[in-house]
Amino acid sequence: MKFGKNLSNQIEETLPEWRDKFLSYKDLKRRLKLISVAERPAKRSKVADEDAVGDVAPSSTAVEEEEFVSLLEAELDKFNTFFVEKEEEYIIRQKDLQDRVTEAISRDSKEELMKVRKEIVDFHGEMVLLENYSALNYTGLVKILKKYDKRTGALIRQPFIEKVLQQPFFTTDLLYKLVKECVAMLDHLFSSNNLSISAECDGQNGVPKPAQSGGRVPELEEIKYMQSLYMKSTVAALRSLKQIRSKSSTVSFFSLPPLQSTGLEERWSNNVPVVEQVAK
């Protein structure tokens, strides 16, 4: 599948409300097609020739290149603004969720714990999607720059990507730390809640107290369902990230770094049954 189509599918299947925050890949391809191949000179080694004589009028080639790079830099600004805003939001949300978990445990409020668990599951999924956002946009930039160099004979990809590697949207260390802390919260909550459910079983016989038809414990059913959805969405997102990083078997300057693992895929994909969610 071509990258443009894959990008569109990823956006529609994850968070379509982020659509305008992603790389404008199709627009950049259309802009690239307007550049005439025949008008390009021989290959050049830099984005701009800073040593050029000042009184020489800029060629159409230089103007086209400058305009295209300006479009890419506008995309970088868009990525960085969105990514930094999200990171700041996630820091605040994580602290709030941690405080609510602590308070719910101290008050032994099962209802509040159930509510905050659901919010943490959603929060975790959104952070993983932001990791995916970073990887997809980087990959898109590499691909559109490769097309530009191939069409025009210029060599702007490497110097531009060197700049990209320093951008906030590409630096995901803080985001990864937040994801790991969120995973730790979920592991603790699911584990402790399973223990509390076990304690509600009839002591000697270990039979759950029937709270609805069929003798099922509603809270236990909800926990299992949430675990399944949590695993399903997380593993799918992580596999998507891994796929992006393994498109080429050849490691190069433009390759994404190896995916940092939280251990979820290995622990959950083989051990937790998936409950299919009914389409709505």
C-alpha atoms as a PDB file:
ATOM      1  CA  MET A   1       0.000   0.000   0.000  1.00  0.00           C
ATOM      2  CA  LYS A   2       1.297   3.445  -0.926  1.00  0.00           C
ATOM      3  CA  PHE A   3       2.256   5.719   1.943  1.00  0.00           C
ATOM      4  CA  GLY A   4      -0.369   8.377   1.145  1.00  0.00           C
ATOM      5  CA  LYS A   5      -3.175   5.823   1.313  1.00  0.00           C
ATOM      6  CA  ASN A   6      -1.726   4.238   4.436  1.00  0.00           C
ATOM      7  CA  LEU A   7      -1.522   7.666   6.097  1.00  0.00           C
ATOM      8  CA  SER A   8      -5.175   8.394   5.282  1.00  0.00           C
ATOM      9  CA  ASN A   9      -6.253   5.022   6.664  1.00  0.00           C
ATOM     10  CA  GLN A  10      -4.263   5.521   9.857  1.00  0.00           C
ATOM     11  CA  ILE A  11      -5.871   8.912  10.446  1.00  0.00           C
ATOM     12  CA  GLU A  12      -9.419   7.688   9.840  1.00  0.00           C
ATOM     13  CA  GLU A  13      -8.975   4.577  11.988  1.00  0.00           C
ATOM     14  CA  THR A  14      -7.424   6.351  14.982  1.00  0.00           C
ATOM     15  CA  LEU A  15      -8.289   9.975  15.696  1.00  0.00           C
ATOM     16  CA  PRO A  16      -9.885  11.660  12.675  1.00  0.00           C
ATOM     17  CA  GLU A  17     -10.204  14.867  14.694  1.00  0.00           C
ATOM     18  CA  TRP A  18      -6.393  15.153  14.388  1.00  0.00           C
ATOM     19  CA  ARG A  19      -6.656  15.055  10.583  1.00  0.00           C
ATOM     20  CA  ASP A  20      -5.488  18.624   9.979  1.00  0.00           C
ATOM     21  CA  LYS A  21      -2.509  18.166  12.316  1.00  0.00           C
ATOM     22  CA  PHE A  22      -0.813  15.538  10.153  1.00  0.00           C
ATOM     23  CA  LEU A  23       1.555  16.064   7.229  1.00  0.00           C
ATOM     24  CA  SER A  24      -0.243  17.488   4.180  1.00  0.00           C
ATOM     25  CA  TYR A  25       1.248  14.706   2.086  1.00  0.00           C
ATOM     26  CA  LYS A  26      -1.140  14.901  -0.864  1.00  0.00           C
ATOM     27  CA  ASP A  27      -0.791  18.681  -1.102  1.00  0.00           C
ATOM     28  CA  LEU A  28       2.996  18.393  -1.105  1.00  0.00           C
ATOM     29  CA  LYS A  29       2.863  15.740  -3.849  1.00  0.00           C
ATOM     30  CA  ARG A  30       0.642  17.987  -5.947  1.00  0.00           C
ATOM     31  CA  ARG A  31       3.041  20.892  -5.428  1.00  0.00           C
ATOM     32  CA  LEU A  32       5.960  18.694  -6.413  1.00  0.00           C
ATOM     33  CA  LYS A  33       4.298  17.727  -9.695  1.00  0.00           C
ATOM     34  CA  LEU A  34       4.170  21.403 -10.683  1.00  0.00           C
ATOM     35  CA  ILE A  35       7.956  21.534 -10.725  1.00  0.00           C
ATOM     36  CA  SER A  36       9.244  20.805 -14.213  1.00  0.00           C
ATOM     37  CA  VAL A  37      11.925  18.129 -14.313  1.00  0.00           C
ATOM     38  CA  ALA A  38      13.444  19.485 -17.510  1.00  0.00           C
ATOM     39  CA  GLU A  39      14.107  22.888 -15.970  1.00  0.00           C
ATOM     40  CA  ARG A  40      16.272  21.501 -13.207  1.00  0.00           C
ATOM     41  CA  PRO A  41      20.054  21.830 -13.443  1.00  0.00           C
ATOM     42  CA  ALA A  42      22.609  19.239 -12.398  1.00  0.00           C
ATOM     43  CA  LYS A  43      22.559  17.846  -8.871  1.00  0.00           C
ATOM     44  CA  ARG A  44      23.401  20.179  -6.023  1.00  0.00           C
ATOM     45  CA  SER A  45      24.700  19.231  -2.624  1.00  0.00           C
ATOM     46  CA  LYS A  46      22.936  21.788  -0.399  1.00  0.00           C
ATOM     47  CA  VAL A  47      19.498  23.231   0.242  1.00  0.00           C
ATOM     48  CA  ALA A  48      20.803  26.704  -0.542  1.00  0.00           C
ATOM     49  CA  ASP A  49      24.131  27.791  -1.956  1.00  0.00           C
ATOM     50  CA  GLU A  50      25.239  30.290   0.639  1.00  0.00           C
ATOM     51  CA  ASP A  51      28.413  31.029  -1.282  1.00  0.00           C
ATOM     52  CA  ALA A  52      26.570  32.191  -4.404  1.00  0.00           C
ATOM     53  CA  VAL A  53      27.465  35.623  -5.726  1.00  0.00           C
ATOM     54  CA  GLY A  54      25.049  38.144  -4.301  1.00  0.00           C
ATOM     55  CA  ASP A  55      24.327  40.126  -7.457  1.00  0.00           C
ATOM     56  CA  VAL A  56      23.330  37.106  -9.536  1.00  0.00           C
ATOM     57  CA  ALA A  57      19.562  36.886 -10.004  1.00  0.00           C
ATOM     58  CA  PRO A  58      18.095  33.753  -8.405  1.00  0.00           C
ATOM     59  CA  SER A  59      17.120  31.071 -10.916  1.00  0.00           C
ATOM     60  CA  SER A  60      13.628  29.599 -11.101  1.00  0.00           C
ATOM     61  CA  THR A  61      15.200  26.456  -9.681  1.00  0.00           C
ATOM     62  CA  ALA A  62      16.366  28.229  -6.517  1.00  0.00           C
ATOM     63  CA  VAL A  63      12.990  29.917  -6.118  1.00  0.00           C
ATOM     64  CA  GLU A  64      11.109  26.625  -6.466  1.00  0.00           C
ATOM     65  CA  GLU A  65      13.388  24.978  -3.947  1.00  0.00           C
ATOM     66  CA  GLU A  66      13.004  27.819  -1.471  1.00  0.00           C
ATOM     67  CA  GLU A  67       9.217  27.705  -1.799  1.00  0.00           C
ATOM     68  CA  PHE A  68       9.093  23.947  -1.303  1.00  0.00           C
ATOM     69  CA  VAL A  69      11.348  24.084   1.759  1.00  0.00           C
ATOM     70  CA  SER A  70       9.161  26.882   3.164  1.00  0.00           C
ATOM     71  CA  LEU A  71       6.143  24.581   2.849  1.00  0.00           C
ATOM     72  CA  LEU A  72       8.016  21.841   4.721  1.00  0.00           C
ATOM     73  CA  GLU A  73       9.068  24.242   7.472  1.00  0.00           C
ATOM     74  CA  ALA A  74       5.449  25.313   7.893  1.00  0.00           C
ATOM     75  CA  GLU A  75       4.594  21.628   8.368  1.00  0.00           C
ATOM     76  CA  LEU A  76       7.291  21.353  11.063  1.00  0.00           C
ATOM     77  CA  ASP A  77       5.816  24.330  12.899  1.00  0.00           C
ATOM     78  CA  LYS A  78       2.397  22.652  12.754  1.00  0.00           C
ATOM     79  CA  PHE A  79       3.753  19.366  14.131  1.00  0.00           C
ATOM     80  CA  ASN A  80       5.712  21.018  16.916  1.00  0.00           C
ATOM     81  CA  THR A  81       2.870  23.250  18.086  1.00  0.00           C
ATOM     82  CA  PHE A  82       0.418  20.360  18.262  1.00  0.00           C
ATOM     83  CA  PHE A  83       2.873  17.907  19.828  1.00  0.00           C
ATOM     84  CA  VAL A  84       4.090  20.273  22.552  1.00  0.00           C
ATOM     85  CA  GLU A  85       0.516  21.289  23.433  1.00  0.00           C
ATOM     86  CA  LYS A  86      -0.424  17.620  23.753  1.00  0.00           C
ATOM     87  CA  GLU A  87       2.583  16.801  25.919  1.00  0.00           C
ATOM     88  CA  GLU A  88       1.778  19.670  28.277  1.00  0.00           C
ATOM     89  CA  GLU A  89      -1.841  18.521  28.429  1.00  0.00           C
ATOM     90  CA  TYR A  90      -0.783  14.921  29.143  1.00  0.00           C
ATOM     91  CA  ILE A  91       1.503  15.932  32.018  1.00  0.00           C
ATOM     92  CA  ILE A  92      -1.433  17.659  33.715  1.00  0.00           C
ATOM     93  CA  ARG A  93      -3.874  14.807  32.985  1.00  0.00           C
ATOM     94  CA  GLN A  94      -1.462  12.174  34.265  1.00  0.00           C
ATOM     95  CA  LYS A  95      -0.997  13.992  37.569  1.00  0.00           C
ATOM     96  CA  ASP A  96      -4.758  14.427  37.925  1.00  0.00           C
ATOM     97  CA  LEU A  97      -5.393  10.718  37.278  1.00  0.00           C
ATOM     98  CA  GLN A  98      -2.707   9.687  39.762  1.00  0.00           C
ATOM     99  CA  ASP A  99      -4.259  11.931  42.431  1.00  0.00           C
ATOM    100  CA  ARG A 100      -7.726  10.523  41.753  1.00  0.00           C
ATOM    101  CA  VAL A 101      -6.466   6.940  41.987  1.00  0.00           C
ATOM    102  CA  THR A 102      -4.808   7.681  45.325  1.00  0.00           C
ATOM    103  CA  GLU A 103      -7.962   9.330  46.659  1.00  0.00           C
ATOM    104  CA  ALA A 104     -10.253   6.535  45.428  1.00  0.00           C
ATOM    105  CA  ILE A 105      -8.065   3.881  47.032  1.00  0.00           C
ATOM    106  CA  SER A 106      -7.927   5.786  50.319  1.00  0.00           C
ATOM    107  CA  ARG A 107     -11.745   6.059  50.336  1.00  0.00           C
ATOM    108  CA  ASP A 108     -12.144   2.471  49.106  1.00  0.00           C
ATOM    109  CA  SER A 109     -14.477   3.784  46.393  1.00  0.00           C
ATOM    110  CA  LYS A 110     -14.935   0.991  43.854  1.00  0.00           C
ATOM    111  CA  GLU A 111     -17.215   3.124  41.733  1.00  0.00           C
ATOM    112  CA  GLU A 112     -14.625   5.877  41.427  1.00  0.00           C
ATOM    113  CA  LEU A 113     -11.856   3.346  40.746  1.00  0.00           C
ATOM    114  CA  MET A 114     -13.885   1.869  37.910  1.00  0.00           C
ATOM    115  CA  LYS A 115     -14.469   5.333  36.463  1.00  0.00           C
ATOM    116  CA  VAL A 116     -10.847   6.417  36.675  1.00  0.00           C
ATOM    117  CA  ARG A 117      -9.680   3.105  35.222  1.00  0.00           C
ATOM    118  CA  LYS A 118     -11.739   3.734  32.103  1.00  0.00           C
ATOM    119  CA  GLU A 119     -10.234   7.206  31.777  1.00  0.00           C
ATOM    120  CA  ILE A 120      -6.692   5.861  32.158  1.00  0.00           C
ATOM    121  CA  VAL A 121      -7.330   3.277  29.429  1.00  0.00           C
ATOM    122  CA  ASP A 122      -8.479   6.034  27.064  1.00  0.00           C
ATOM    123  CA  PHE A 123      -5.587   8.254  28.116  1.00  0.00           C
ATOM    124  CA  HIS A 124      -3.030   5.521  27.478  1.00  0.00           C
ATOM    125  CA  GLY A 125      -4.430   4.862  24.023  1.00  0.00           C
ATOM    126  CA  GLU A 126      -4.284   8.549  23.129  1.00  0.00           C
ATOM    127  CA  MET A 127      -0.620   8.811  24.150  1.00  0.00           C
ATOM    128  CA  VAL A 128       0.285   5.783  22.040  1.00  0.00           C
ATOM    129  CA  LEU A 129      -1.488   7.454  19.129  1.00  0.00           C
ATOM    130  CA  LEU A 130       0.635  10.567  19.656  1.00  0.00           C
ATOM    131  CA  GLU A 131       3.729   8.368  19.365  1.00  0.00           C
ATOM    132  CA  ASN A 132       2.262   7.071  16.130  1.00  0.00           C
ATOM    133  CA  TYR A 133       1.644  10.687  15.032  1.00  0.00           C
ATOM    134  CA  SER A 134       5.328  11.487  15.470  1.00  0.00           C
ATOM    135  CA  ALA A 135       6.501   8.413  13.541  1.00  0.00           C
ATOM    136  CA  LEU A 136       4.025   8.848  10.664  1.00  0.00           C
ATOM    137  CA  ASN A 137       4.903  12.498  10.126  1.00  0.00           C
ATOM    138  CA  TYR A 138       8.632  11.791  10.189  1.00  0.00           C
ATOM    139  CA  THR A 139       8.195   8.948   7.701  1.00  0.00           C
ATOM    140  CA  GLY A 140       6.096  11.177   5.447  1.00  0.00           C
ATOM    141  CA  LEU A 141       8.769  13.874   5.430  1.00  0.00           C
ATOM    142  CA  VAL A 142      11.473  11.367   4.495  1.00  0.00           C
ATOM    143  CA  LYS A 143       9.351  10.025   1.636  1.00  0.00           C
ATOM    144  CA  ILE A 144       8.301  13.390   0.185  1.00  0.00           C
ATOM    145  CA  LEU A 145      11.894  14.642   0.339  1.00  0.00           C
ATOM    146  CA  LYS A 146      13.097  11.514  -1.441  1.00  0.00           C
ATOM    147  CA  LYS A 147      10.546  12.192  -4.190  1.00  0.00           C
ATOM    148  CA  TYR A 148      11.710  15.807  -4.393  1.00  0.00           C
ATOM    149  CA  ASP A 149      15.378  14.859  -4.758  1.00  0.00           C
ATOM    150  CA  LYS A 150      14.556  12.215  -7.367  1.00  0.00           C
ATOM    151  CA  ARG A 151      12.402  14.566  -9.435  1.00  0.00           C
ATOM    152  CA  THR A 152      14.619  17.637  -9.279  1.00  0.00           C
ATOM    153  CA  GLY A 153      18.132  16.299  -8.938  1.00  0.00           C
ATOM    154  CA  ALA A 154      18.627  18.328  -5.762  1.00  0.00           C
ATOM    155  CA  LEU A 155      19.955  16.806  -2.559  1.00  0.00           C
ATOM    156  CA  ILE A 156      17.971  18.521   0.173  1.00  0.00           C
ATOM    157  CA  ARG A 157      16.726  15.430   2.022  1.00  0.00           C
ATOM    158  CA  GLN A 158      19.656  14.800   4.348  1.00  0.00           C
ATOM    159  CA  PRO A 159      20.244  18.409   5.518  1.00  0.00           C
ATOM    160  CA  PHE A 160      16.520  18.883   6.078  1.00  0.00           C
ATOM    161  CA  ILE A 161      16.131  15.609   8.009  1.00  0.00           C
ATOM    162  CA  GLU A 162      19.130  16.560  10.161  1.00  0.00           C
ATOM    163  CA  LYS A 163      17.059  19.576  11.172  1.00  0.00           C
ATOM    164  CA  VAL A 164      13.950  17.415  11.734  1.00  0.00           C
ATOM    165  CA  LEU A 165      15.815  15.187  14.193  1.00  0.00           C
ATOM    166  CA  GLN A 166      16.142  18.174  16.542  1.00  0.00           C
ATOM    167  CA  GLN A 167      12.452  19.097  16.462  1.00  0.00           C
ATOM    168  CA  PRO A 168      10.173  18.707  19.519  1.00  0.00           C
ATOM    169  CA  PHE A 169       7.675  16.495  17.676  1.00  0.00           C
ATOM    170  CA  PHE A 170      10.431  13.944  16.977  1.00  0.00           C
ATOM    171  CA  THR A 171      11.741  13.931  20.553  1.00  0.00           C
ATOM    172  CA  THR A 172       9.459  11.462  22.329  1.00  0.00           C
ATOM    173  CA  ASP A 173      11.429  10.675  25.507  1.00  0.00           C
ATOM    174  CA  LEU A 174       8.984  12.537  27.754  1.00  0.00           C
ATOM    175  CA  LEU A 175       5.989  10.970  26.026  1.00  0.00           C
ATOM    176  CA  TYR A 176       7.484   7.492  26.429  1.00  0.00           C
ATOM    177  CA  LYS A 177       8.021   8.180  30.152  1.00  0.00           C
ATOM    178  CA  LEU A 178       4.366   9.191  30.530  1.00  0.00           C
ATOM    179  CA  VAL A 179       3.224   6.043  28.685  1.00  0.00           C
ATOM    180  CA  LYS A 180       5.288   3.820  30.987  1.00  0.00           C
ATOM    181  CA  GLU A 181       3.875   5.525  34.085  1.00  0.00           C
ATOM    182  CA  CYS A 182       0.368   5.049  32.714  1.00  0.00           C
ATOM    183  CA  VAL A 183       1.044   1.350  32.067  1.00  0.00           C
ATOM    184  CA  ALA A 184       2.259   0.976  35.645  1.00  0.00           C
ATOM    185  CA  MET A 185      -0.966   2.553  36.951  1.00  0.00           C
ATOM    186  CA  LEU A 186      -3.114   0.213  34.871  1.00  0.00           C
ATOM    187  CA  ASP A 187      -1.154  -2.869  35.861  1.00  0.00           C
ATOM    188  CA  HIS A 188      -1.520  -1.930  39.517  1.00  0.00           C
ATOM    189  CA  LEU A 189      -5.231  -1.175  39.250  1.00  0.00           C
ATOM    190  CA  PHE A 190      -6.151  -4.308  37.304  1.00  0.00           C
ATOM    191  CA  SER A 191      -4.095  -6.476  39.632  1.00  0.00           C
ATOM    192  CA  SER A 192      -5.421  -4.967  42.852  1.00  0.00           C
ATOM    193  CA  ASN A 193      -8.998  -5.011  41.592  1.00  0.00           C
ATOM    194  CA  ASN A 194      -8.829  -8.703  40.708  1.00  0.00           C
ATOM    195  CA  LEU A 195      -7.748  -9.342  44.283  1.00  0.00           C
ATOM    196  CA  SER A 196     -10.666  -7.322  45.646  1.00  0.00           C
ATOM    197  CA  ILE A 197     -13.105  -9.220  43.451  1.00  0.00           C
ATOM    198  CA  SER A 198     -11.717 -12.503  44.704  1.00  0.00           C
ATOM    199  CA  ALA A 199     -12.282 -11.310  48.242  1.00  0.00           C
ATOM    200  CA  GLU A 200     -15.953 -10.813  47.449  1.00  0.00           C
ATOM    201  CA  CYS A 201     -16.401 -14.474  46.569  1.00  0.00           C
ATOM    202  CA  ASP A 202     -17.957 -16.734  49.186  1.00  0.00           C
ATOM    203  CA  GLY A 203     -14.954 -17.502  51.335  1.00  0.00           C
ATOM    204  CA  GLN A 204     -14.821 -21.283  51.693  1.00  0.00           C
ATOM    205  CA  ASN A 205     -16.339 -22.290  48.371  1.00  0.00           C
ATOM    206  CA  GLY A 206     -14.840 -19.504  46.257  1.00  0.00           C
ATOM    207  CA  VAL A 207     -18.122 -19.039  44.407  1.00  0.00           C
ATOM    208  CA  PRO A 208     -18.849 -15.521  43.106  1.00  0.00           C
ATOM    209  CA  LYS A 209     -21.885 -13.834  44.563  1.00  0.00           C
ATOM    210  CA  PRO A 210     -24.554 -13.791  41.850  1.00  0.00           C
ATOM    211  CA  ALA A 211     -25.408 -10.184  41.147  1.00  0.00           C
ATOM    212  CA  GLN A 212     -27.258 -10.691  37.889  1.00  0.00           C
ATOM    213  CA  SER A 213     -28.735 -13.459  35.773  1.00  0.00           C
ATOM    214  CA  GLY A 214     -26.239 -16.180  35.060  1.00  0.00           C
ATOM    215  CA  GLY A 215     -24.472 -15.651  38.364  1.00  0.00           C
ATOM    216  CA  ARG A 216     -21.845 -13.292  36.910  1.00  0.00           C
ATOM    217  CA  VAL A 217     -20.178 -10.542  38.887  1.00  0.00           C
ATOM    218  CA  PRO A 218     -20.779  -7.351  36.860  1.00  0.00           C
ATOM    219  CA  GLU A 219     -17.609  -5.649  38.070  1.00  0.00           C
ATOM    220  CA  LEU A 220     -15.454  -8.640  37.146  1.00  0.00           C
ATOM    221  CA  GLU A 221     -17.041  -8.795  33.680  1.00  0.00           C
ATOM    222  CA  GLU A 222     -16.355  -5.086  33.209  1.00  0.00           C
ATOM    223  CA  ILE A 223     -12.731  -5.482  34.270  1.00  0.00           C
ATOM    224  CA  LYS A 224     -12.139  -8.336  31.837  1.00  0.00           C
ATOM    225  CA  TYR A 225     -13.777  -6.356  29.048  1.00  0.00           C
ATOM    226  CA  MET A 226     -11.675  -3.272  29.767  1.00  0.00           C
ATOM    227  CA  GLN A 227      -8.495  -5.371  29.911  1.00  0.00           C
ATOM    228  CA  SER A 228      -9.338  -6.846  26.542  1.00  0.00           C
ATOM    229  CA  LEU A 229     -10.041  -3.485  24.890  1.00  0.00           C
ATOM    230  CA  TYR A 230      -6.915  -2.005  26.493  1.00  0.00           C
ATOM    231  CA  MET A 231      -4.793  -4.847  25.150  1.00  0.00           C
ATOM    232  CA  LYS A 232      -6.424  -4.772  21.725  1.00  0.00           C
ATOM    233  CA  SER A 233      -5.990  -1.053  21.076  1.00  0.00           C
ATOM    234  CA  THR A 234      -2.504  -0.910  22.589  1.00  0.00           C
ATOM    235  CA  VAL A 235      -1.114  -3.905  20.744  1.00  0.00           C
ATOM    236  CA  ALA A 236      -2.616  -2.655  17.463  1.00  0.00           C
ATOM    237  CA  ALA A 237      -1.022   0.766  17.912  1.00  0.00           C
ATOM    238  CA  LEU A 238       2.351  -0.694  18.918  1.00  0.00           C
ATOM    239  CA  ARG A 239       2.335  -3.071  15.965  1.00  0.00           C
ATOM    240  CA  SER A 240       1.600  -0.126  13.694  1.00  0.00           C
ATOM    241  CA  LEU A 241       4.602   1.717  15.119  1.00  0.00           C
ATOM    242  CA  LYS A 242       6.785  -1.360  14.710  1.00  0.00           C
ATOM    243  CA  GLN A 243       5.634  -1.774  11.113  1.00  0.00           C
ATOM    244  CA  ILE A 244       6.585   1.813  10.295  1.00  0.00           C
ATOM    245  CA  ARG A 245      10.077   1.143  11.626  1.00  0.00           C
ATOM    246  CA  SER A 246      10.553  -2.100   9.712  1.00  0.00           C
ATOM    247  CA  LYS A 247       9.517  -1.114   6.185  1.00  0.00           C
ATOM    248  CA  SER A 248      13.102  -1.460   5.051  1.00  0.00           C
ATOM    249  CA  SER A 249      15.526  -4.128   6.180  1.00  0.00           C
ATOM    250  CA  THR A 250      18.409  -1.745   5.496  1.00  0.00           C
ATOM    251  CA  VAL A 251      19.231   0.624   8.344  1.00  0.00           C
ATOM    252  CA  SER A 252      20.177   4.069   7.104  1.00  0.00           C
ATOM    253  CA  PHE A 253      20.519   7.635   8.301  1.00  0.00           C
ATOM    254  CA  PHE A 254      16.804   8.135   7.615  1.00  0.00           C
ATOM    255  CA  SER A 255      15.612   5.077   9.578  1.00  0.00           C
ATOM    256  CA  LEU A 256      13.508   5.619  12.688  1.00  0.00           C
ATOM    257  CA  PRO A 257      15.134   4.462  15.926  1.00  0.00           C
ATOM    258  CA  PRO A 258      14.060   1.078  17.341  1.00  0.00           C
ATOM    259  CA  LEU A 259      10.695   1.131  19.112  1.00  0.00           C
ATOM    260  CA  GLN A 260      11.033   1.375  22.873  1.00  0.00           C
ATOM    261  CA  SER A 261       8.888  -1.349  24.373  1.00  0.00           C
ATOM    262  CA  THR A 262       6.807  -1.156  27.532  1.00  0.00           C
ATOM    263  CA  GLY A 263       6.484  -4.942  27.440  1.00  0.00           C
ATOM    264  CA  LEU A 264       2.752  -4.803  26.744  1.00  0.00           C
ATOM    265  CA  GLU A 265       2.759  -6.500  23.378  1.00  0.00           C
ATOM    266  CA  GLU A 266       4.729  -9.481  24.586  1.00  0.00           C
ATOM    267  CA  ARG A 267       2.807  -9.862  27.844  1.00  0.00           C
ATOM    268  CA  TRP A 268      -0.715  -9.258  26.583  1.00  0.00           C
ATOM    269  CA  SER A 269      -0.887 -10.501  23.000  1.00  0.00           C
ATOM    270  CA  ASN A 270      -0.417 -14.130  24.014  1.00  0.00           C
ATOM    271  CA  ASN A 271      -2.157 -14.170  27.367  1.00  0.00           C
ATOM    272  CA  VAL A 272      -5.270 -12.003  27.218  1.00  0.00           C
ATOM    273  CA  PRO A 273      -8.239 -13.061  25.090  1.00  0.00           C
ATOM    274  CA  VAL A 274      -9.646 -10.320  22.899  1.00  0.00           C
ATOM    275  CA  VAL A 275     -13.282  -9.353  23.333  1.00  0.00           C
ATOM    276  CA  GLU A 276     -14.591  -7.968  20.061  1.00  0.00           C
ATOM    277  CA  GLN A 277     -16.360  -4.637  20.463  1.00  0.00           C
ATOM    278  CA  VAL A 278     -19.622  -4.338  18.583  1.00  0.00           C
ATOM    279  CA  ALA A 279     -19.443  -1.721  15.863  1.00  0.00           C
ATOM    280  CA  LYS A 280     -21.555   1.351  16.530  1.00  0.00           C
END
